[in-house]
Amino acid sequence: MRALFLVIDLALNLYIWLLIAAAVLSWLVAFNVVNARNQVVAMVGDFLYRITEPLLRPIRSVMPDLGGIDLSPVILILIIIFIRYVIALYILPNVF
């Protein structure tokens, strides 16, 4: 059972890194550092969009409009960190 929680923790950690990568890629495309018409960049961007958007969309619908600033990845990262702490501090010690 402990191994299952460690795999869940690893998956949540990986998802945090995917959120960071999606945010950085969106900034790079917005500031014209990378060309979005490049096939590799487009494929990576599409993958990151499809992975992160299902969890970011509900957060964006609840948040007020802040102009051009999107804080939904930060809020989702904080939620994931909270879930990781709950697993590590309250669920994992009670597995034994």
PDB file of N, CA and C in Angstrom:
ATOM      1  N   MET A   1       0.820  -1.187   0.000  1.00  0.00           N
ATOM      2  CA  MET A   1       0.000   0.000   0.000  1.00  0.00           C
ATOM      3  C   MET A   1       0.870   1.259   0.000  1.00  0.00           C
ATOM      4  N   ARG A   2       1.978   1.185   0.718  1.00  0.00           N
ATOM      5  CA  ARG A   2       2.892   2.321   0.770  1.00  0.00           C
ATOM      6  C   ARG A   2       3.440   2.638  -0.616  1.00  0.00           C
ATOM      7  N   ALA A   3       3.722   1.615  -1.396  1.00  0.00           N
ATOM      8  CA  ALA A   3       4.241   1.825  -2.736  1.00  0.00           C
ATOM      9  C   ALA A   3       3.223   2.548  -3.619  1.00  0.00           C
ATOM     10  N   LEU A   4       1.952   2.256  -3.436  1.00  0.00           N
ATOM     11  CA  LEU A   4       0.914   2.935  -4.198  1.00  0.00           C
ATOM     12  C   LEU A   4       0.906   4.429  -3.900  1.00  0.00           C
ATOM     13  N   PHE A   5       1.021   4.797  -2.630  1.00  0.00           N
ATOM     14  CA  PHE A   5       1.040   6.207  -2.276  1.00  0.00           C
ATOM     15  C   PHE A   5       2.302   6.900  -2.777  1.00  0.00           C
ATOM     16  N   LEU A   6       3.407   6.182  -2.824  1.00  0.00           N
ATOM     17  CA  LEU A   6       4.634   6.768  -3.366  1.00  0.00           C
ATOM     18  C   LEU A   6       4.517   6.986  -4.869  1.00  0.00           C
ATOM     19  N   VAL A   7       3.846   6.089  -5.562  1.00  0.00           N
ATOM     20  CA  VAL A   7       3.616   6.277  -7.000  1.00  0.00           C
ATOM     21  C   VAL A   7       2.674   7.457  -7.238  1.00  0.00           C
ATOM     22  N   ILE A   8       1.651   7.596  -6.413  1.00  0.00           N
ATOM     23  CA  ILE A   8       0.746   8.746  -6.525  1.00  0.00           C
ATOM     24  C   ILE A   8       1.498  10.041  -6.279  1.00  0.00           C
ATOM     25  N   ASP A   9       2.383  10.044  -5.279  1.00  0.00           N
ATOM     26  CA  ASP A   9       3.193  11.223  -4.988  1.00  0.00           C
ATOM     27  C   ASP A   9       4.111  11.560  -6.164  1.00  0.00           C
ATOM     28  N   LEU A  10       4.695  10.547  -6.767  1.00  0.00           N
ATOM     29  CA  LEU A  10       5.556  10.768  -7.932  1.00  0.00           C
ATOM     30  C   LEU A  10       4.757  11.323  -9.111  1.00  0.00           C
ATOM     31  N   ALA A  11       3.554  10.808  -9.326  1.00  0.00           N
ATOM     32  CA  ALA A  11       2.709  11.304 -10.418  1.00  0.00           C
ATOM     33  C   ALA A  11       2.299  12.754 -10.184  1.00  0.00           C
ATOM     34  N   LEU A  12       1.985  13.106  -8.940  1.00  0.00           N
ATOM     35  CA  LEU A  12       1.640  14.494  -8.630  1.00  0.00           C
ATOM     36  C   LEU A  12       2.838  15.419  -8.824  1.00  0.00           C
ATOM     37  N   ASN A  13       4.017  14.946  -8.443  1.00  0.00           N
ATOM     38  CA  ASN A  13       5.230  15.732  -8.647  1.00  0.00           C
ATOM     39  C   ASN A  13       5.503  15.926 -10.140  1.00  0.00           C
ATOM     40  N   LEU A  14       5.327  14.895 -10.931  1.00  0.00           N
ATOM     41  CA  LEU A  14       5.505  15.002 -12.371  1.00  0.00           C
ATOM     42  C   LEU A  14       4.498  15.971 -12.980  1.00  0.00           C
ATOM     43  N   TYR A  15       3.269  15.966 -12.492  1.00  0.00           N
ATOM     44  CA  TYR A  15       2.252  16.875 -13.013  1.00  0.00           C
ATOM     45  C   TYR A  15       2.585  18.327 -12.694  1.00  0.00           C
ATOM     46  N   ILE A  16       3.206  18.564 -11.535  1.00  0.00           N
ATOM     47  CA  ILE A  16       3.657  19.919 -11.217  1.00  0.00           C
ATOM     48  C   ILE A  16       4.674  20.387 -12.243  1.00  0.00           C
ATOM     49  N   TRP A  17       5.601  19.522 -12.604  1.00  0.00           N
ATOM     50  CA  TRP A  17       6.609  19.900 -13.602  1.00  0.00           C
ATOM     51  C   TRP A  17       5.993  20.111 -14.978  1.00  0.00           C
ATOM     52  N   LEU A  18       4.958  19.335 -15.308  1.00  0.00           N
ATOM     53  CA  LEU A  18       4.268  19.555 -16.583  1.00  0.00           C
ATOM     54  C   LEU A  18       3.541  20.899 -16.586  1.00  0.00           C
ATOM     55  N   LEU A  19       2.970  21.292 -15.458  1.00  0.00           N
ATOM     56  CA  LEU A  19       2.329  22.610 -15.359  1.00  0.00           C
ATOM     57  C   LEU A  19       3.348  23.728 -15.538  1.00  0.00           C
ATOM     58  N   ILE A  20       4.498  23.582 -14.928  1.00  0.00           N
ATOM     59  CA  ILE A  20       5.555  24.590 -15.073  1.00  0.00           C
ATOM     60  C   ILE A  20       6.030  24.656 -16.514  1.00  0.00           C
ATOM     61  N   ALA A  21       6.205  23.504 -17.152  1.00  0.00           N
ATOM     62  CA  ALA A  21       6.640  23.478 -18.550  1.00  0.00           C
ATOM     63  C   ALA A  21       5.603  24.124 -19.462  1.00  0.00           C
ATOM     64  N   ALA A  22       4.327  23.878 -19.197  1.00  0.00           N
ATOM     65  CA  ALA A  22       3.279  24.486 -20.021  1.00  0.00           C
ATOM     66  C   ALA A  22       3.263  26.000 -19.855  1.00  0.00           C
ATOM     67  N   ALA A  23       3.457  26.479 -18.625  1.00  0.00           N
ATOM     68  CA  ALA A  23       3.478  27.926 -18.394  1.00  0.00           C
ATOM     69  C   ALA A  23       4.682  28.571 -19.082  1.00  0.00           C
ATOM     70  N   VAL A  24       5.839  27.951 -18.964  1.00  0.00           N
ATOM     71  CA  VAL A  24       7.041  28.502 -19.592  1.00  0.00           C
ATOM     72  C   VAL A  24       6.897  28.492 -21.110  1.00  0.00           C
ATOM     73  N   LEU A  25       6.370  27.410 -21.672  1.00  0.00           N
ATOM     74  CA  LEU A  25       6.189  27.359 -23.118  1.00  0.00           C
ATOM     75  C   LEU A  25       5.199  28.414 -23.588  1.00  0.00           C
ATOM     76  N   SER A  26       4.150  28.646 -22.835  1.00  0.00           N
ATOM     77  CA  SER A  26       3.191  29.678 -23.241  1.00  0.00           C
ATOM     78  C   SER A  26       3.833  31.063 -23.209  1.00  0.00           C
ATOM     79  N   TRP A  27       4.703  31.311 -22.241  1.00  0.00           N
ATOM     80  CA  TRP A  27       5.425  32.584 -22.201  1.00  0.00           C
ATOM     81  C   TRP A  27       6.372  32.712 -23.388  1.00  0.00           C
ATOM     82  N   LEU A  28       7.088  31.626 -23.711  1.00  0.00           N
ATOM     83  CA  LEU A  28       8.025  31.661 -24.829  1.00  0.00           C
ATOM     84  C   LEU A  28       7.316  31.905 -26.150  1.00  0.00           C
ATOM     85  N   VAL A  29       6.150  31.320 -26.316  1.00  0.00           N
ATOM     86  CA  VAL A  29       5.371  31.544 -27.536  1.00  0.00           C
ATOM     87  C   VAL A  29       4.821  32.965 -27.545  1.00  0.00           C
ATOM     88  N   ALA A  30       4.353  33.461 -26.404  1.00  0.00           N
ATOM     89  CA  ALA A  30       3.776  34.809 -26.342  1.00  0.00           C
ATOM     90  C   ALA A  30       4.812  35.882 -26.626  1.00  0.00           C
ATOM     91  N   PHE A  31       6.048  35.664 -26.187  1.00  0.00           N
ATOM     92  CA  PHE A  31       7.095  36.658 -26.396  1.00  0.00           C
ATOM     93  C   PHE A  31       7.899  36.405 -27.665  1.00  0.00           C
ATOM     94  N   ASN A  32       7.428  35.499 -28.514  1.00  0.00           N
ATOM     95  CA  ASN A  32       8.048  35.201 -29.809  1.00  0.00           C
ATOM     96  C   ASN A  32       9.478  34.688 -29.683  1.00  0.00           C
ATOM     97  N   VAL A  33       9.779  33.964 -28.632  1.00  0.00           N
ATOM     98  CA  VAL A  33      11.097  33.363 -28.481  1.00  0.00           C
ATOM     99  C   VAL A  33      11.168  32.075 -29.288  1.00  0.00           C
ATOM    100  N   VAL A  34      10.094  31.297 -29.249  1.00  0.00           N
ATOM    101  CA  VAL A  34      10.004  30.093 -30.073  1.00  0.00           C
ATOM    102  C   VAL A  34       8.864  30.273 -31.067  1.00  0.00           C
ATOM    103  N   ASN A  35       9.010  29.625 -32.185  1.00  0.00           N
ATOM    104  CA  ASN A  35       8.013  29.729 -33.246  1.00  0.00           C
ATOM    105  C   ASN A  35       6.960  28.640 -33.042  1.00  0.00           C
ATOM    106  N   ALA A  36       5.725  29.038 -32.877  1.00  0.00           N
ATOM    107  CA  ALA A  36       4.644  28.080 -32.645  1.00  0.00           C
ATOM    108  C   ALA A  36       4.333  27.263 -33.898  1.00  0.00           C
ATOM    109  N   ARG A  37       4.803  27.703 -35.059  1.00  0.00           N
ATOM    110  CA  ARG A  37       4.575  26.946 -36.298  1.00  0.00           C
ATOM    111  C   ARG A  37       5.591  25.838 -36.508  1.00  0.00           C
ATOM    112  N   ASN A  38       6.619  25.800 -35.676  1.00  0.00           N
ATOM    113  CA  ASN A  38       7.575  24.704 -35.714  1.00  0.00           C
ATOM    114  C   ASN A  38       6.853  23.429 -35.282  1.00  0.00           C
ATOM    115  N   GLN A  39       7.059  22.346 -35.993  1.00  0.00           N
ATOM    116  CA  GLN A  39       6.301  21.125 -35.744  1.00  0.00           C
ATOM    117  C   GLN A  39       6.583  20.539 -34.355  1.00  0.00           C
ATOM    118  N   VAL A  40       7.828  20.560 -33.935  1.00  0.00           N
ATOM    119  CA  VAL A  40       8.170  20.001 -32.626  1.00  0.00           C
ATOM    120  C   VAL A  40       7.563  20.861 -31.511  1.00  0.00           C
ATOM    121  N   VAL A  41       7.684  22.169 -31.639  1.00  0.00           N
ATOM    122  CA  VAL A  41       7.115  23.067 -30.632  1.00  0.00           C
ATOM    123  C   VAL A  41       5.596  22.923 -30.600  1.00  0.00           C
ATOM    124  N   ALA A  42       4.987  22.789 -31.761  1.00  0.00           N
ATOM    125  CA  ALA A  42       3.535  22.618 -31.817  1.00  0.00           C
ATOM    126  C   ALA A  42       3.098  21.309 -31.165  1.00  0.00           C
ATOM    127  N   MET A  43       3.856  20.239 -31.390  1.00  0.00           N
ATOM    128  CA  MET A  43       3.506  18.954 -30.785  1.00  0.00           C
ATOM    129  C   MET A  43       3.667  18.991 -29.267  1.00  0.00           C
ATOM    130  N   VAL A  44       4.759  19.585 -28.791  1.00  0.00           N
ATOM    131  CA  VAL A  44       4.975  19.687 -27.347  1.00  0.00           C
ATOM    132  C   VAL A  44       3.904  20.578 -26.722  1.00  0.00           C
ATOM    133  N   GLY A  45       3.595  21.690 -27.384  1.00  0.00           N
ATOM    134  CA  GLY A  45       2.566  22.588 -26.881  1.00  0.00           C
ATOM    135  C   GLY A  45       1.199  21.932 -26.840  1.00  0.00           C
ATOM    136  N   ASP A  46       0.870  21.173 -27.875  1.00  0.00           N
ATOM    137  CA  ASP A  46      -0.416  20.474 -27.902  1.00  0.00           C
ATOM    138  C   ASP A  46      -0.487  19.419 -26.795  1.00  0.00           C
ATOM    139  N   PHE A  47       0.603  18.687 -26.595  1.00  0.00           N
ATOM    140  CA  PHE A  47       0.636  17.684 -25.526  1.00  0.00           C
ATOM    141  C   PHE A  47       0.444  18.341 -24.162  1.00  0.00           C
ATOM    142  N   LEU A  48       1.185  19.406 -23.905  1.00  0.00           N
ATOM    143  CA  LEU A  48       1.074  20.084 -22.615  1.00  0.00           C
ATOM    144  C   LEU A  48      -0.317  20.685 -22.426  1.00  0.00           C
ATOM    145  N   TYR A  49      -0.900  21.204 -23.490  1.00  0.00           N
ATOM    146  CA  TYR A  49      -2.245  21.769 -23.403  1.00  0.00           C
ATOM    147  C   TYR A  49      -3.264  20.685 -23.061  1.00  0.00           C
ATOM    148  N   ARG A  50      -3.162  19.541 -23.736  1.00  0.00           N
ATOM    149  CA  ARG A  50      -4.119  18.460 -23.493  1.00  0.00           C
ATOM    150  C   ARG A  50      -3.969  17.837 -22.108  1.00  0.00           C
ATOM    151  N   ILE A  51      -2.761  17.862 -21.566  1.00  0.00           N
ATOM    152  CA  ILE A  51      -2.527  17.287 -20.240  1.00  0.00           C
ATOM    153  C   ILE A  51      -2.980  18.237 -19.134  1.00  0.00           C
ATOM    154  N   THR A  52      -2.732  19.534 -19.302  1.00  0.00           N
ATOM    155  CA  THR A  52      -2.976  20.475 -18.211  1.00  0.00           C
ATOM    156  C   THR A  52      -4.344  21.147 -18.266  1.00  0.00           C
ATOM    157  N   GLU A  53      -4.909  21.307 -19.416  1.00  0.00           N
ATOM    158  CA  GLU A  53      -6.141  22.083 -19.557  1.00  0.00           C
ATOM    159  C   GLU A  53      -7.349  21.501 -18.819  1.00  0.00           C
ATOM    160  N   PRO A  54      -7.539  20.176 -18.763  1.00  0.00           N
ATOM    161  CA  PRO A  54      -8.719  19.666 -18.036  1.00  0.00           C
ATOM    162  C   PRO A  54      -8.766  20.057 -16.563  1.00  0.00           C
ATOM    163  N   LEU A  55      -7.632  20.235 -15.929  1.00  0.00           N
ATOM    164  CA  LEU A  55      -7.640  20.655 -14.532  1.00  0.00           C
ATOM    165  C   LEU A  55      -7.561  22.169 -14.369  1.00  0.00           C
ATOM    166  N   LEU A  56      -7.046  22.864 -15.368  1.00  0.00           N
ATOM    167  CA  LEU A  56      -6.949  24.321 -15.279  1.00  0.00           C
ATOM    168  C   LEU A  56      -8.265  25.005 -15.633  1.00  0.00           C
ATOM    169  N   ARG A  57      -9.046  24.423 -16.507  1.00  0.00           N
ATOM    170  CA  ARG A  57     -10.292  25.048 -16.963  1.00  0.00           C
ATOM    171  C   ARG A  57     -11.277  25.329 -15.828  1.00  0.00           C
ATOM    172  N   PRO A  58     -11.535  24.389 -14.901  1.00  0.00           N
ATOM    173  CA  PRO A  58     -12.458  24.717 -13.804  1.00  0.00           C
ATOM    174  C   PRO A  58     -11.939  25.833 -12.897  1.00  0.00           C
ATOM    175  N   ILE A  59     -10.632  25.892 -12.708  1.00  0.00           N
ATOM    176  CA  ILE A  59     -10.063  26.946 -11.874  1.00  0.00           C
ATOM    177  C   ILE A  59     -10.220  28.292 -12.561  1.00  0.00           C
ATOM    178  N   ARG A  60     -10.010  28.332 -13.874  1.00  0.00           N
ATOM    179  CA  ARG A  60     -10.167  29.584 -14.626  1.00  0.00           C
ATOM    180  C   ARG A  60     -11.605  30.069 -14.620  1.00  0.00           C
ATOM    181  N   SER A  61     -12.549  29.141 -14.604  1.00  0.00           N
ATOM    182  CA  SER A  61     -13.955  29.558 -14.620  1.00  0.00           C
ATOM    183  C   SER A  61     -14.391  30.158 -13.287  1.00  0.00           C
ATOM    184  N   VAL A  62     -13.730  29.780 -12.199  1.00  0.00           N
ATOM    185  CA  VAL A  62     -14.075  30.297 -10.882  1.00  0.00           C
ATOM    186  C   VAL A  62     -13.355  31.616 -10.590  1.00  0.00           C
ATOM    187  N   MET A  63     -12.149  31.772 -11.109  1.00  0.00           N
ATOM    188  CA  MET A  63     -11.348  32.960 -10.814  1.00  0.00           C
ATOM    189  C   MET A  63     -11.879  34.197 -11.534  1.00  0.00           C
ATOM    190  N   PRO A  64     -11.716  35.358 -10.911  1.00  0.00           N
ATOM    191  CA  PRO A  64     -12.116  36.589 -11.603  1.00  0.00           C
ATOM    192  C   PRO A  64     -11.121  36.924 -12.713  1.00  0.00           C
ATOM    193  N   ASP A  65     -11.555  37.749 -13.642  1.00  0.00           N
ATOM    194  CA  ASP A  65     -10.696  38.151 -14.758  1.00  0.00           C
ATOM    195  C   ASP A  65      -9.639  39.130 -14.254  1.00  0.00           C
ATOM    196  N   LEU A  66      -8.380  38.783 -14.434  1.00  0.00           N
ATOM    197  CA  LEU A  66      -7.280  39.627 -13.982  1.00  0.00           C
ATOM    198  C   LEU A  66      -6.553  40.281 -15.150  1.00  0.00           C
ATOM    199  N   GLY A  67      -7.228  40.439 -16.249  1.00  0.00           N
ATOM    200  CA  GLY A  67      -6.584  41.000 -17.434  1.00  0.00           C
ATOM    201  C   GLY A  67      -5.837  39.910 -18.177  1.00  0.00           C
ATOM    202  N   GLY A  68      -4.566  40.120 -18.416  1.00  0.00           N
ATOM    203  CA  GLY A  68      -3.759  39.145 -19.143  1.00  0.00           C
ATOM    204  C   GLY A  68      -3.006  38.189 -18.250  1.00  0.00           C
ATOM    205  N   ILE A  69      -3.253  38.237 -16.953  1.00  0.00           N
ATOM    206  CA  ILE A  69      -2.517  37.394 -16.016  1.00  0.00           C
ATOM    207  C   ILE A  69      -3.338  36.146 -15.709  1.00  0.00           C
ATOM    208  N   ASP A  70      -2.710  34.993 -15.872  1.00  0.00           N
ATOM    209  CA  ASP A  70      -3.371  33.718 -15.588  1.00  0.00           C
ATOM    210  C   ASP A  70      -2.694  33.072 -14.384  1.00  0.00           C
ATOM    211  N   LEU A  71      -3.377  33.085 -13.257  1.00  0.00           N
ATOM    212  CA  LEU A  71      -2.823  32.511 -12.035  1.00  0.00           C
ATOM    213  C   LEU A  71      -3.304  31.086 -11.766  1.00  0.00           C
ATOM    214  N   SER A  72      -4.064  30.520 -12.683  1.00  0.00           N
ATOM    215  CA  SER A  72      -4.602  29.182 -12.457  1.00  0.00           C
ATOM    216  C   SER A  72      -3.518  28.107 -12.307  1.00  0.00           C
ATOM    217  N   PRO A  73      -2.387  28.154 -13.049  1.00  0.00           N
ATOM    218  CA  PRO A  73      -1.353  27.138 -12.785  1.00  0.00           C
ATOM    219  C   PRO A  73      -0.777  27.233 -11.373  1.00  0.00           C
ATOM    220  N   VAL A  74      -0.618  28.446 -10.861  1.00  0.00           N
ATOM    221  CA  VAL A  74      -0.094  28.616  -9.506  1.00  0.00           C
ATOM    222  C   VAL A  74      -1.069  28.036  -8.482  1.00  0.00           C
ATOM    223  N   ILE A  75      -2.342  28.300  -8.670  1.00  0.00           N
ATOM    224  CA  ILE A  75      -3.350  27.780  -7.740  1.00  0.00           C
ATOM    225  C   ILE A  75      -3.404  26.259  -7.801  1.00  0.00           C
ATOM    226  N   LEU A  76      -3.318  25.700  -9.012  1.00  0.00           N
ATOM    227  CA  LEU A  76      -3.334  24.243  -9.141  1.00  0.00           C
ATOM    228  C   LEU A  76      -2.091  23.618  -8.519  1.00  0.00           C
ATOM    229  N   ILE A  77      -0.937  24.252  -8.665  1.00  0.00           N
ATOM    230  CA  ILE A  77       0.286  23.744  -8.040  1.00  0.00           C
ATOM    231  C   ILE A  77       0.145  23.764  -6.521  1.00  0.00           C
ATOM    232  N   LEU A  78      -0.431  24.821  -5.969  1.00  0.00           N
ATOM    233  CA  LEU A  78      -0.646  24.884  -4.519  1.00  0.00           C
ATOM    234  C   LEU A  78      -1.607  23.794  -4.050  1.00  0.00           C
ATOM    235  N   ILE A  79      -2.639  23.528  -4.823  1.00  0.00           N
ATOM    236  CA  ILE A  79      -3.584  22.453  -4.477  1.00  0.00           C
ATOM    237  C   ILE A  79      -2.887  21.099  -4.507  1.00  0.00           C
ATOM    238  N   ILE A  80      -2.056  20.872  -5.515  1.00  0.00           N
ATOM    239  CA  ILE A  80      -1.334  19.596  -5.616  1.00  0.00           C
ATOM    240  C   ILE A  80      -0.351  19.440  -4.464  1.00  0.00           C
ATOM    241  N   ILE A  81       0.337  20.512  -4.096  1.00  0.00           N
ATOM    242  CA  ILE A  81       1.263  20.449  -2.962  1.00  0.00           C
ATOM    243  C   ILE A  81       0.493  20.144  -1.674  1.00  0.00           C
ATOM    244  N   PHE A  82      -0.682  20.747  -1.509  1.00  0.00           N
ATOM    245  CA  PHE A  82      -1.516  20.463  -0.342  1.00  0.00           C
ATOM    246  C   PHE A  82      -1.903  18.985  -0.313  1.00  0.00           C
ATOM    247  N   ILE A  83      -2.289  18.425  -1.450  1.00  0.00           N
ATOM    248  CA  ILE A  83      -2.656  17.002  -1.521  1.00  0.00           C
ATOM    249  C   ILE A  83      -1.463  16.116  -1.178  1.00  0.00           C
ATOM    250  N   ARG A  84      -0.291  16.493  -1.675  1.00  0.00           N
ATOM    251  CA  ARG A  84       0.920  15.719  -1.362  1.00  0.00           C
ATOM    252  C   ARG A  84       1.220  15.738   0.131  1.00  0.00           C
ATOM    253  N   TYR A  85       1.057  16.910   0.769  1.00  0.00           N
ATOM    254  CA  TYR A  85       1.282  16.995   2.214  1.00  0.00           C
ATOM    255  C   TYR A  85       0.250  16.179   2.986  1.00  0.00           C
ATOM    256  N   VAL A  86      -0.984  16.196   2.572  1.00  0.00           N
ATOM    257  CA  VAL A  86      -2.009  15.394   3.242  1.00  0.00           C
ATOM    258  C   VAL A  86      -1.675  13.914   3.140  1.00  0.00           C
ATOM    259  N   ILE A  87      -1.241  13.478   1.980  1.00  0.00           N
ATOM    260  CA  ILE A  87      -0.863  12.071   1.818  1.00  0.00           C
ATOM    261  C   ILE A  87       0.333  11.744   2.699  1.00  0.00           C
ATOM    262  N   ALA A  88       1.347  12.607   2.687  1.00  0.00           N
ATOM    263  CA  ALA A  88       2.576  12.306   3.434  1.00  0.00           C
ATOM    264  C   ALA A  88       2.388  12.378   4.943  1.00  0.00           C
ATOM    265  N   LEU A  89       1.572  13.305   5.413  1.00  0.00           N
ATOM    266  CA  LEU A  89       1.476  13.514   6.858  1.00  0.00           C
ATOM    267  C   LEU A  89       0.327  12.759   7.522  1.00  0.00           C
ATOM    268  N   TYR A  90      -0.754  12.513   6.797  1.00  0.00           N
ATOM    269  CA  TYR A  90      -1.919  11.920   7.444  1.00  0.00           C
ATOM    270  C   TYR A  90      -2.266  10.520   6.930  1.00  0.00           C
ATOM    271  N   ILE A  91      -2.072  10.266   5.677  1.00  0.00           N
ATOM    272  CA  ILE A  91      -2.481   8.961   5.130  1.00  0.00           C
ATOM    273  C   ILE A  91      -1.333   7.952   5.217  1.00  0.00           C
ATOM    274  N   LEU A  92      -0.145   8.340   4.786  1.00  0.00           N
ATOM    275  CA  LEU A  92       0.978   7.407   4.731  1.00  0.00           C
ATOM    276  C   LEU A  92       1.371   6.856   6.107  1.00  0.00           C
ATOM    277  N   PRO A  93       1.419   7.663   7.183  1.00  0.00           N
ATOM    278  CA  PRO A  93       1.763   7.071   8.491  1.00  0.00           C
ATOM    279  C   PRO A  93       0.718   6.076   9.004  1.00  0.00           C
ATOM    280  N   ASN A  94      -0.523   6.167   8.572  1.00  0.00           N
ATOM    281  CA  ASN A  94      -1.568   5.267   9.044  1.00  0.00           C
ATOM    282  C   ASN A  94      -1.696   3.997   8.209  1.00  0.00           C
ATOM    283  N   VAL A  95      -0.856   3.853   7.199  1.00  0.00           N
ATOM    284  CA  VAL A  95      -0.938   2.662   6.336  1.00  0.00           C
ATOM    285  C   VAL A  95      -0.408   1.435   7.049  1.00  0.00           C
ATOM    286  N   PHE A  96       0.562   1.602   7.908  1.00  0.00           N
ATOM    287  CA  PHE A  96       1.170   0.449   8.580  1.00  0.00           C
ATOM    288  C   PHE A  96       0.255  -0.140   9.601  1.00  0.00           C
TER     289      PHE A  96
END
